[in-house]
Amino acid sequence: MLRNKILLFCPICRNVLIMKEGQKCYRFASATWENVDSTAETCPKCEHALAYFMQIQTRSADEPMTTFYKCCSSQCGHCWRD
């Protein structure tokens, strides 16, 4: 049996969002930041010294890859791109 499904995408990194059950409601999350490395990149929001990073080809193949960062601080979690 086929079900109708709607795919939602993250407005920052364009990855598919998945639905996770929270304490009081459902929320959307991205599995994108699982299993990524960290680097010495300062967060522009809280100035934490480390950030997770990943590179994604967002444009045509002759353009450079886009680097996305996420602050390693559990209180911040700010995301930005280079």
PDB file of N, CA and C in Angstrom:
ATOM      1  N   MET A   1       0.838  -1.179   0.000  1.00  0.00           N
ATOM      2  CA  MET A   1       0.000   0.000   0.000  1.00  0.00           C
ATOM      3  C   MET A   1       0.883   1.244   0.000  1.00  0.00           C
ATOM      4  N   LEU A   2       0.595   2.168  -0.853  1.00  0.00           N
ATOM      5  CA  LEU A   2       1.363   3.410  -0.945  1.00  0.00           C
ATOM      6  C   LEU A   2       0.709   4.480  -0.088  1.00  0.00           C
ATOM      7  N   ARG A   3       1.520   5.222   0.619  1.00  0.00           N
ATOM      8  CA  ARG A   3       1.025   6.345   1.411  1.00  0.00           C
ATOM      9  C   ARG A   3       1.495   7.643   0.783  1.00  0.00           C
ATOM     10  N   ASN A   4       0.690   8.654   0.931  1.00  0.00           N
ATOM     11  CA  ASN A   4       1.114   9.975   0.478  1.00  0.00           C
ATOM     12  C   ASN A   4       2.077  10.547   1.501  1.00  0.00           C
ATOM     13  N   LYS A   5       3.243  10.976   1.052  1.00  0.00           N
ATOM     14  CA  LYS A   5       4.234  11.556   1.950  1.00  0.00           C
ATOM     15  C   LYS A   5       4.675  12.897   1.401  1.00  0.00           C
ATOM     16  N   ILE A   6       4.891  13.818   2.293  1.00  0.00           N
ATOM     17  CA  ILE A   6       5.394  15.131   1.929  1.00  0.00           C
ATOM     18  C   ILE A   6       6.810  15.235   2.479  1.00  0.00           C
ATOM     19  N   LEU A   7       7.753  15.580   1.625  1.00  0.00           N
ATOM     20  CA  LEU A   7       9.126  15.774   2.063  1.00  0.00           C
ATOM     21  C   LEU A   7       9.335  17.242   2.410  1.00  0.00           C
ATOM     22  N   LEU A   8       9.901  17.493   3.568  1.00  0.00           N
ATOM     23  CA  LEU A   8      10.248  18.847   3.988  1.00  0.00           C
ATOM     24  C   LEU A   8      11.760  18.954   4.043  1.00  0.00           C
ATOM     25  N   PHE A   9      12.280  20.108   3.670  1.00  0.00           N
ATOM     26  CA  PHE A   9      13.716  20.304   3.605  1.00  0.00           C
ATOM     27  C   PHE A   9      14.152  21.441   4.514  1.00  0.00           C
ATOM     28  N   CYS A  10      15.343  21.303   5.088  1.00  0.00           N
ATOM     29  CA  CYS A  10      15.920  22.334   5.941  1.00  0.00           C
ATOM     30  C   CYS A  10      16.190  23.586   5.106  1.00  0.00           C
ATOM     31  N   PRO A  11      15.767  24.766   5.559  1.00  0.00           N
ATOM     32  CA  PRO A  11      15.998  25.987   4.786  1.00  0.00           C
ATOM     33  C   PRO A  11      17.462  26.424   4.785  1.00  0.00           C
ATOM     34  N   ILE A  12      18.283  25.885   5.692  1.00  0.00           N
ATOM     35  CA  ILE A  12      19.698  26.272   5.753  1.00  0.00           C
ATOM     36  C   ILE A  12      20.559  25.363   4.893  1.00  0.00           C
ATOM     37  N   CYS A  13      20.463  24.037   5.128  1.00  0.00           N
ATOM     38  CA  CYS A  13      21.363  23.107   4.436  1.00  0.00           C
ATOM     39  C   CYS A  13      20.670  22.286   3.363  1.00  0.00           C
ATOM     40  N   ARG A  14      19.369  22.431   3.209  1.00  0.00           N
ATOM     41  CA  ARG A  14      18.575  21.767   2.173  1.00  0.00           C
ATOM     42  C   ARG A  14      18.505  20.251   2.316  1.00  0.00           C
ATOM     43  N   ASN A  15      18.780  19.705   3.483  1.00  0.00           N
ATOM     44  CA  ASN A  15      18.658  18.273   3.707  1.00  0.00           C
ATOM     45  C   ASN A  15      17.245  17.933   4.148  1.00  0.00           C
ATOM     46  N   VAL A  16      16.860  16.682   3.961  1.00  0.00           N
ATOM     47  CA  VAL A  16      15.521  16.228   4.318  1.00  0.00           C
ATOM     48  C   VAL A  16      15.349  16.274   5.832  1.00  0.00           C
ATOM     49  N   LEU A  17      14.213  16.794   6.277  1.00  0.00           N
ATOM     50  CA  LEU A  17      13.880  16.824   7.701  1.00  0.00           C
ATOM     51  C   LEU A  17      13.108  15.564   8.056  1.00  0.00           C
ATOM     52  N   ILE A  18      13.383  15.040   9.241  1.00  0.00           N
ATOM     53  CA  ILE A  18      12.658  13.877   9.731  1.00  0.00           C
ATOM     54  C   ILE A  18      11.851  14.287  10.955  1.00  0.00           C
ATOM     55  N   MET A  19      10.726  13.602  11.203  1.00  0.00           N
ATOM     56  CA  MET A  19       9.887  13.940  12.337  1.00  0.00           C
ATOM     57  C   MET A  19      10.318  13.102  13.535  1.00  0.00           C
ATOM     58  N   LYS A  20      10.534  13.765  14.682  1.00  0.00           N
ATOM     59  CA  LYS A  20      10.893  13.082  15.919  1.00  0.00           C
ATOM     60  C   LYS A  20       9.862  13.427  16.981  1.00  0.00           C
ATOM     61  N   GLU A  21       9.609  12.475  17.858  1.00  0.00           N
ATOM     62  CA  GLU A  21       8.631  12.685  18.924  1.00  0.00           C
ATOM     63  C   GLU A  21       9.303  13.350  20.110  1.00  0.00           C
ATOM     64  N   GLY A  22       8.770  14.479  20.538  1.00  0.00           N
ATOM     65  CA  GLY A  22       9.268  15.183  21.708  1.00  0.00           C
ATOM     66  C   GLY A  22       8.438  14.840  22.930  1.00  0.00           C
ATOM     67  N   GLN A  23       8.656  15.553  24.033  1.00  0.00           N
ATOM     68  CA  GLN A  23       7.912  15.281  25.256  1.00  0.00           C
ATOM     69  C   GLN A  23       6.435  15.652  25.128  1.00  0.00           C
ATOM     70  N   LYS A  24       6.166  16.777  24.469  1.00  0.00           N
ATOM     71  CA  LYS A  24       4.783  17.247  24.365  1.00  0.00           C
ATOM     72  C   LYS A  24       4.250  17.254  22.938  1.00  0.00           C
ATOM     73  N   CYS A  25       5.138  17.187  21.963  1.00  0.00           N
ATOM     74  CA  CYS A  25       4.696  17.257  20.575  1.00  0.00           C
ATOM     75  C   CYS A  25       5.749  16.647  19.655  1.00  0.00           C
ATOM     76  N   TYR A  26       5.433  16.591  18.387  1.00  0.00           N
ATOM     77  CA  TYR A  26       6.404  16.153  17.400  1.00  0.00           C
ATOM     78  C   TYR A  26       7.219  17.356  16.948  1.00  0.00           C
ATOM     79  N   ARG A  27       8.458  17.104  16.530  1.00  0.00           N
ATOM     80  CA  ARG A  27       9.291  18.186  16.011  1.00  0.00           C
ATOM     81  C   ARG A  27      10.059  17.673  14.812  1.00  0.00           C
ATOM     82  N   PHE A  28      10.497  18.575  13.977  1.00  0.00           N
ATOM     83  CA  PHE A  28      11.296  18.206  12.820  1.00  0.00           C
ATOM     84  C   PHE A  28      12.768  18.339  13.158  1.00  0.00           C
ATOM     85  N   ALA A  29      13.552  17.400  12.691  1.00  0.00           N
ATOM     86  CA  ALA A  29      14.990  17.412  12.936  1.00  0.00           C
ATOM     87  C   ALA A  29      15.695  16.929  11.677  1.00  0.00           C
ATOM     88  N   SER A  30      16.955  17.254  11.586  1.00  0.00           N
ATOM     89  CA  SER A  30      17.778  16.818  10.470  1.00  0.00           C
ATOM     90  C   SER A  30      18.839  15.870  11.004  1.00  0.00           C
ATOM     91  N   ALA A  31      19.017  14.752  10.349  1.00  0.00           N
ATOM     92  CA  ALA A  31      20.053  13.793  10.753  1.00  0.00           C
ATOM     93  C   ALA A  31      21.395  14.178  10.151  1.00  0.00           C
ATOM     94  N   THR A  32      21.464  15.353   9.592  1.00  0.00           N
ATOM     95  CA  THR A  32      22.653  15.813   8.893  1.00  0.00           C
ATOM     96  C   THR A  32      23.871  15.902   9.784  1.00  0.00           C
ATOM     97  N   TRP A  33      23.720  16.353  11.011  1.00  0.00           N
ATOM     98  CA  TRP A  33      24.866  16.623  11.876  1.00  0.00           C
ATOM     99  C   TRP A  33      25.338  15.404  12.655  1.00  0.00           C
ATOM    100  N   GLU A  34      24.804  14.234  12.378  1.00  0.00           N
ATOM    101  CA  GLU A  34      25.296  13.019  13.005  1.00  0.00           C
ATOM    102  C   GLU A  34      26.549  12.557  12.264  1.00  0.00           C
ATOM    103  N   ASN A  35      27.546  12.101  12.991  1.00  0.00           N
ATOM    104  CA  ASN A  35      28.793  11.559  12.432  1.00  0.00           C
ATOM    105  C   ASN A  35      29.590  12.575  11.618  1.00  0.00           C
ATOM    106  N   VAL A  36      29.681  13.807  12.095  1.00  0.00           N
ATOM    107  CA  VAL A  36      30.513  14.812  11.438  1.00  0.00           C
ATOM    108  C   VAL A  36      31.697  15.162  12.337  1.00  0.00           C
ATOM    109  N   ASP A  37      32.743  15.696  11.738  1.00  0.00           N
ATOM    110  CA  ASP A  37      33.942  16.079  12.483  1.00  0.00           C
ATOM    111  C   ASP A  37      33.833  17.516  12.975  1.00  0.00           C
ATOM    112  N   SER A  38      34.710  17.878  13.921  1.00  0.00           N
ATOM    113  CA  SER A  38      34.761  19.256  14.402  1.00  0.00           C
ATOM    114  C   SER A  38      36.096  19.879  14.001  1.00  0.00           C
ATOM    115  N   THR A  39      36.116  21.197  14.007  1.00  0.00           N
ATOM    116  CA  THR A  39      37.315  21.933  13.623  1.00  0.00           C
ATOM    117  C   THR A  39      37.426  23.201  14.464  1.00  0.00           C
ATOM    118  N   ALA A  40      38.582  23.830  14.409  1.00  0.00           N
ATOM    119  CA  ALA A  40      38.810  25.083  15.149  1.00  0.00           C
ATOM    120  C   ALA A  40      38.216  26.244  14.352  1.00  0.00           C
ATOM    121  N   GLU A  41      36.936  26.462  14.522  1.00  0.00           N
ATOM    122  CA  GLU A  41      36.209  27.555  13.865  1.00  0.00           C
ATOM    123  C   GLU A  41      35.397  28.257  14.942  1.00  0.00           C
ATOM    124  N   THR A  42      35.563  29.562  15.086  1.00  0.00           N
ATOM    125  CA  THR A  42      34.888  30.319  16.137  1.00  0.00           C
ATOM    126  C   THR A  42      33.449  30.622  15.756  1.00  0.00           C
ATOM    127  N   CYS A  43      32.544  30.353  16.685  1.00  0.00           N
ATOM    128  CA  CYS A  43      31.125  30.628  16.470  1.00  0.00           C
ATOM    129  C   CYS A  43      30.910  32.143  16.464  1.00  0.00           C
ATOM    130  N   PRO A  44      30.231  32.692  15.444  1.00  0.00           N
ATOM    131  CA  PRO A  44      29.989  34.132  15.407  1.00  0.00           C
ATOM    132  C   PRO A  44      28.968  34.610  16.438  1.00  0.00           C
ATOM    133  N   LYS A  45      28.199  33.686  17.017  1.00  0.00           N
ATOM    134  CA  LYS A  45      27.164  34.065  17.977  1.00  0.00           C
ATOM    135  C   LYS A  45      27.684  34.051  19.414  1.00  0.00           C
ATOM    136  N   CYS A  46      28.355  32.953  19.832  1.00  0.00           N
ATOM    137  CA  CYS A  46      28.781  32.826  21.230  1.00  0.00           C
ATOM    138  C   CYS A  46      30.300  32.800  21.399  1.00  0.00           C
ATOM    139  N   GLU A  47      31.040  32.815  20.297  1.00  0.00           N
ATOM    140  CA  GLU A  47      32.503  32.808  20.271  1.00  0.00           C
ATOM    141  C   GLU A  47      33.119  31.530  20.845  1.00  0.00           C
ATOM    142  N   HIS A  48      32.377  30.422  20.819  1.00  0.00           N
ATOM    143  CA  HIS A  48      32.929  29.114  21.195  1.00  0.00           C
ATOM    144  C   HIS A  48      33.989  28.743  20.157  1.00  0.00           C
ATOM    145  N   ALA A  49      35.074  28.107  20.596  1.00  0.00           N
ATOM    146  CA  ALA A  49      36.238  27.890  19.721  1.00  0.00           C
ATOM    147  C   ALA A  49      36.095  26.717  18.749  1.00  0.00           C
ATOM    148  N   LEU A  50      35.142  25.811  18.954  1.00  0.00           N
ATOM    149  CA  LEU A  50      35.001  24.644  18.082  1.00  0.00           C
ATOM    150  C   LEU A  50      33.636  24.618  17.405  1.00  0.00           C
ATOM    151  N   ALA A  51      33.625  24.050  16.190  1.00  0.00           N
ATOM    152  CA  ALA A  51      32.374  23.898  15.452  1.00  0.00           C
ATOM    153  C   ALA A  51      32.412  22.604  14.652  1.00  0.00           C
ATOM    154  N   TYR A  52      31.252  21.959  14.526  1.00  0.00           N
ATOM    155  CA  TYR A  52      31.123  20.829  13.615  1.00  0.00           C
ATOM    156  C   TYR A  52      31.080  21.393  12.205  1.00  0.00           C
ATOM    157  N   PHE A  53      31.512  20.603  11.226  1.00  0.00           N
ATOM    158  CA  PHE A  53      31.461  21.096   9.852  1.00  0.00           C
ATOM    159  C   PHE A  53      31.168  19.971   8.874  1.00  0.00           C
ATOM    160  N   MET A  54      30.623  20.357   7.737  1.00  0.00           N
ATOM    161  CA  MET A  54      30.431  19.448   6.603  1.00  0.00           C
ATOM    162  C   MET A  54      30.448  20.266   5.329  1.00  0.00           C
ATOM    163  N   GLN A  55      30.821  19.617   4.248  1.00  0.00           N
ATOM    164  CA  GLN A  55      30.858  20.287   2.954  1.00  0.00           C
ATOM    165  C   GLN A  55      29.863  19.620   2.020  1.00  0.00           C
ATOM    166  N   ILE A  56      29.095  20.452   1.322  1.00  0.00           N
ATOM    167  CA  ILE A  56      28.066  19.959   0.409  1.00  0.00           C
ATOM    168  C   ILE A  56      28.190  20.706  -0.915  1.00  0.00           C
ATOM    169  N   GLN A  57      28.019  19.984  -1.998  1.00  0.00           N
ATOM    170  CA  GLN A  57      28.013  20.589  -3.332  1.00  0.00           C
ATOM    171  C   GLN A  57      26.622  21.156  -3.566  1.00  0.00           C
ATOM    172  N   THR A  58      26.457  22.459  -3.377  1.00  0.00           N
ATOM    173  CA  THR A  58      25.132  23.065  -3.486  1.00  0.00           C
ATOM    174  C   THR A  58      24.861  23.667  -4.858  1.00  0.00           C
ATOM    175  N   ARG A  59      25.904  23.914  -5.612  1.00  0.00           N
ATOM    176  CA  ARG A  59      25.729  24.496  -6.946  1.00  0.00           C
ATOM    177  C   ARG A  59      26.274  23.535  -7.988  1.00  0.00           C
ATOM    178  N   SER A  60      26.601  24.017  -9.155  1.00  0.00           N
ATOM    179  CA  SER A  60      27.106  23.156 -10.223  1.00  0.00           C
ATOM    180  C   SER A  60      28.497  22.621  -9.872  1.00  0.00           C
ATOM    181  N   ALA A  61      28.920  21.600 -10.582  1.00  0.00           N
ATOM    182  CA  ALA A  61      30.172  20.906 -10.271  1.00  0.00           C
ATOM    183  C   ALA A  61      31.408  21.790 -10.424  1.00  0.00           C
ATOM    184  N   ASP A  62      31.328  22.828 -11.242  1.00  0.00           N
ATOM    185  CA  ASP A  62      32.507  23.685 -11.423  1.00  0.00           C
ATOM    186  C   ASP A  62      32.611  24.774 -10.345  1.00  0.00           C
ATOM    187  N   GLU A  63      31.630  24.853  -9.447  1.00  0.00           N
ATOM    188  CA  GLU A  63      31.658  25.795  -8.325  1.00  0.00           C
ATOM    189  C   GLU A  63      32.259  25.100  -7.103  1.00  0.00           C
ATOM    190  N   PRO A  64      32.885  25.853  -6.192  1.00  0.00           N
ATOM    191  CA  PRO A  64      33.428  25.217  -4.979  1.00  0.00           C
ATOM    192  C   PRO A  64      32.310  24.725  -4.059  1.00  0.00           C
ATOM    193  N   MET A  65      32.653  23.759  -3.211  1.00  0.00           N
ATOM    194  CA  MET A  65      31.686  23.220  -2.251  1.00  0.00           C
ATOM    195  C   MET A  65      31.385  24.264  -1.184  1.00  0.00           C
ATOM    196  N   THR A  66      30.190  24.205  -0.601  1.00  0.00           N
ATOM    197  CA  THR A  66      29.793  25.099   0.480  1.00  0.00           C
ATOM    198  C   THR A  66      30.066  24.398   1.806  1.00  0.00           C
ATOM    199  N   THR A  67      30.732  25.091   2.726  1.00  0.00           N
ATOM    200  CA  THR A  67      31.014  24.535   4.049  1.00  0.00           C
ATOM    201  C   THR A  67      29.974  25.040   5.042  1.00  0.00           C
ATOM    202  N   PHE A  68      29.324  24.117   5.738  1.00  0.00           N
ATOM    203  CA  PHE A  68      28.342  24.433   6.759  1.00  0.00           C
ATOM    204  C   PHE A  68      28.956  24.148   8.119  1.00  0.00           C
ATOM    205  N   TYR A  69      28.668  25.009   9.102  1.00  0.00           N
ATOM    206  CA  TYR A  69      29.187  24.865  10.454  1.00  0.00           C
ATOM    207  C   TYR A  69      28.039  24.849  11.455  1.00  0.00           C
ATOM    208  N   LYS A  70      28.271  24.167  12.581  1.00  0.00           N
ATOM    209  CA  LYS A  70      27.332  24.181  13.702  1.00  0.00           C
ATOM    210  C   LYS A  70      28.163  24.260  14.977  1.00  0.00           C
ATOM    211  N   CYS A  71      27.847  25.202  15.831  1.00  0.00           N
ATOM    212  CA  CYS A  71      28.592  25.416  17.073  1.00  0.00           C
ATOM    213  C   CYS A  71      28.563  24.154  17.941  1.00  0.00           C
ATOM    214  N   CYS A  72      29.717  23.789  18.489  1.00  0.00           N
ATOM    215  CA  CYS A  72      29.826  22.603  19.355  1.00  0.00           C
ATOM    216  C   CYS A  72      29.256  22.841  20.749  1.00  0.00           C
ATOM    217  N   SER A  73      29.013  24.088  21.114  1.00  0.00           N
ATOM    218  CA  SER A  73      28.462  24.385  22.429  1.00  0.00           C
ATOM    219  C   SER A  73      27.020  23.887  22.508  1.00  0.00           C
ATOM    220  N   SER A  74      26.727  23.080  23.542  1.00  0.00           N
ATOM    221  CA  SER A  74      25.370  22.540  23.674  1.00  0.00           C
ATOM    222  C   SER A  74      24.340  23.630  23.986  1.00  0.00           C
ATOM    223  N   GLN A  75      24.765  24.746  24.568  1.00  0.00           N
ATOM    224  CA  GLN A  75      23.843  25.843  24.863  1.00  0.00           C
ATOM    225  C   GLN A  75      23.543  26.688  23.622  1.00  0.00           C
ATOM    226  N   CYS A  76      24.442  26.696  22.657  1.00  0.00           N
ATOM    227  CA  CYS A  76      24.294  27.565  21.482  1.00  0.00           C
ATOM    228  C   CYS A  76      23.726  26.795  20.286  1.00  0.00           C
ATOM    229  N   GLY A  77      24.533  25.963  19.645  1.00  0.00           N
ATOM    230  CA  GLY A  77      24.092  25.190  18.488  1.00  0.00           C
ATOM    231  C   GLY A  77      23.837  26.017  17.244  1.00  0.00           C
ATOM    232  N   HIS A  78      24.381  27.237  17.184  1.00  0.00           N
ATOM    233  CA  HIS A  78      24.183  28.138  16.042  1.00  0.00           C
ATOM    234  C   HIS A  78      24.728  27.508  14.757  1.00  0.00           C
ATOM    235  N   CYS A  79      24.006  27.655  13.649  1.00  0.00           N
ATOM    236  CA  CYS A  79      24.451  27.143  12.349  1.00  0.00           C
ATOM    237  C   CYS A  79      24.742  28.291  11.407  1.00  0.00           C
ATOM    238  N   TRP A  80      25.799  28.170  10.619  1.00  0.00           N
ATOM    239  CA  TRP A  80      26.145  29.162   9.606  1.00  0.00           C
ATOM    240  C   TRP A  80      26.917  28.489   8.495  1.00  0.00           C
ATOM    241  N   ARG A  81      27.114  29.212   7.406  1.00  0.00           N
ATOM    242  CA  ARG A  81      27.882  28.657   6.288  1.00  0.00           C
ATOM    243  C   ARG A  81      28.959  29.611   5.850  1.00  0.00           C
ATOM    244  N   ASP A  82      29.952  29.050   5.213  1.00  0.00           N
ATOM    245  CA  ASP A  82      31.110  29.821   4.766  1.00  0.00           C
ATOM    246  C   ASP A  82      30.950  30.208   3.311  1.00  0.00           C
TER     247      ASP A  82
END
